[in-house]
Every structure is written in structure tokens, then in C-alpha cells.
Amino acid sequence: MTAVFITGASSGLGRALAWRYACAGATLGLVARRGEALRELADSLPGEHRCYALDVRD
């Protein structure tokens, strides 16, 4: 099983990568500042993933 950790996952390139890896069967650790958008993404992806709403700049 492959595990992938993606920052900025709720939009743009991070969101596209999340879809690509999830569809390939990876388990994801998703990080973004916007928790609601992050949870919506995780719920729409195939598989089970962990979400962390935080700002990596802090």
C-alpha cells in the first residue's frame, strides 16, 4: 500500500494530485487551511483518507 501526504490539497494542483493518487489506490494524508473544503474533497475521493486542517507556515 502506498501512502502519500499532500499539502494544499483543497484546491489547484494539490487537489488534482489527490484525485490522481486516490484513483491509483493510495492512502492519502491531506493538509489544507480550509477544513470544510478539505473534508468535502476527502468525502468525494475513493478510499479512506486522513485530513488535517492547518497552515504549514505556522
C-alpha atoms as a PDB file:
ATOM      1  CA  MET A   1       0.000   0.000   0.000  1.00  0.00           C
ATOM      2  CA  THR A   2       1.268   3.460  -0.916  1.00  0.00           C
ATOM      3  CA  ALA A   3       0.796   6.421   1.412  1.00  0.00           C
ATOM      4  CA  VAL A   4       1.020   9.991   0.095  1.00  0.00           C
ATOM      5  CA  PHE A   5       1.000  13.245   2.104  1.00  0.00           C
ATOM      6  CA  ILE A   6      -0.249  16.289   0.144  1.00  0.00           C
ATOM      7  CA  THR A   7      -0.177  19.907   1.338  1.00  0.00           C
ATOM      8  CA  GLY A   8      -2.517  22.435  -0.278  1.00  0.00           C
ATOM      9  CA  ALA A   9      -4.876  19.587  -1.079  1.00  0.00           C
ATOM     10  CA  SER A  10      -8.171  21.508  -1.112  1.00  0.00           C
ATOM     11  CA  SER A  11      -7.582  23.263  -4.460  1.00  0.00           C
ATOM     12  CA  GLY A  12      -5.443  23.550  -7.566  1.00  0.00           C
ATOM     13  CA  LEU A  13      -2.517  21.220  -8.095  1.00  0.00           C
ATOM     14  CA  GLY A  14      -2.865  19.653  -4.641  1.00  0.00           C
ATOM     15  CA  ARG A  15      -6.484  18.702  -5.361  1.00  0.00           C
ATOM     16  CA  ALA A  16      -5.542  17.253  -8.768  1.00  0.00           C
ATOM     17  CA  LEU A  17      -2.752  15.192  -7.193  1.00  0.00           C
ATOM     18  CA  ALA A  18      -5.137  13.949  -4.503  1.00  0.00           C
ATOM     19  CA  TRP A  19      -7.503  12.661  -7.186  1.00  0.00           C
ATOM     20  CA  ARG A  20      -4.677  11.062  -9.173  1.00  0.00           C
ATOM     21  CA  TYR A  21      -3.193   9.207  -6.193  1.00  0.00           C
ATOM     22  CA  ALA A  22      -6.554   8.209  -4.687  1.00  0.00           C
ATOM     23  CA  CYS A  23      -7.697   6.734  -8.002  1.00  0.00           C
ATOM     24  CA  ALA A  24      -4.423   4.793  -8.139  1.00  0.00           C
ATOM     25  CA  GLY A  25      -5.236   3.243  -4.756  1.00  0.00           C
ATOM     26  CA  ALA A  26      -3.008   5.285  -2.444  1.00  0.00           C
ATOM     27  CA  THR A  27      -3.950   6.203   1.103  1.00  0.00           C
ATOM     28  CA  LEU A  28      -3.702   9.969   1.500  1.00  0.00           C
ATOM     29  CA  GLY A  29      -2.814  12.404   4.239  1.00  0.00           C
ATOM     30  CA  LEU A  30      -4.450  15.645   3.114  1.00  0.00           C
ATOM     31  CA  VAL A  31      -3.477  19.063   4.515  1.00  0.00           C
ATOM     32  CA  ALA A  32      -5.020  22.464   3.787  1.00  0.00           C
ATOM     33  CA  ARG A  33      -6.021  25.646   5.605  1.00  0.00           C
ATOM     34  CA  ARG A  34      -9.692  25.373   4.621  1.00  0.00           C
ATOM     35  CA  GLY A  35     -11.041  22.473   6.643  1.00  0.00           C
ATOM     36  CA  GLU A  36     -14.507  22.388   5.089  1.00  0.00           C
ATOM     37  CA  ALA A  37     -13.171  22.234   1.520  1.00  0.00           C
ATOM     38  CA  LEU A  38     -10.699  19.578   2.624  1.00  0.00           C
ATOM     39  CA  ARG A  39     -13.414  17.383   4.184  1.00  0.00           C
ATOM     40  CA  GLU A  40     -15.570  17.719   1.038  1.00  0.00           C
ATOM     41  CA  LEU A  41     -12.631  16.567  -1.081  1.00  0.00           C
ATOM     42  CA  ALA A  42     -11.858  13.596   1.167  1.00  0.00           C
ATOM     43  CA  ASP A  43     -15.511  12.521   1.139  1.00  0.00           C
ATOM     44  CA  SER A  44     -15.578  12.589  -2.678  1.00  0.00           C
ATOM     45  CA  LEU A  45     -12.368  10.567  -3.169  1.00  0.00           C
ATOM     46  CA  PRO A  46     -12.362   6.783  -3.436  1.00  0.00           C
ATOM     47  CA  GLY A  47     -10.896   5.097  -0.353  1.00  0.00           C
ATOM     48  CA  GLU A  48     -10.259   6.270   3.214  1.00  0.00           C
ATOM     49  CA  HIS A  49      -8.009   9.246   3.876  1.00  0.00           C
ATOM     50  CA  ARG A  50      -6.850  11.419   6.790  1.00  0.00           C
ATOM     51  CA  CYS A  51      -7.482  15.184   6.771  1.00  0.00           C
ATOM     52  CA  TYR A  52      -5.591  17.852   8.680  1.00  0.00           C
ATOM     53  CA  ALA A  53      -6.823  21.457   8.597  1.00  0.00           C
ATOM     54  CA  LEU A  54      -3.763  23.570   9.380  1.00  0.00           C
ATOM     55  CA  ASP A  55      -1.423  26.165   7.984  1.00  0.00           C
ATOM     56  CA  VAL A  56       2.057  24.767   7.320  1.00  0.00           C
ATOM     57  CA  ARG A  57       3.504  28.300   7.534  1.00  0.00           C
ATOM     58  CA  ASP A  58       2.879  28.350  11.302  1.00  0.00           C
END
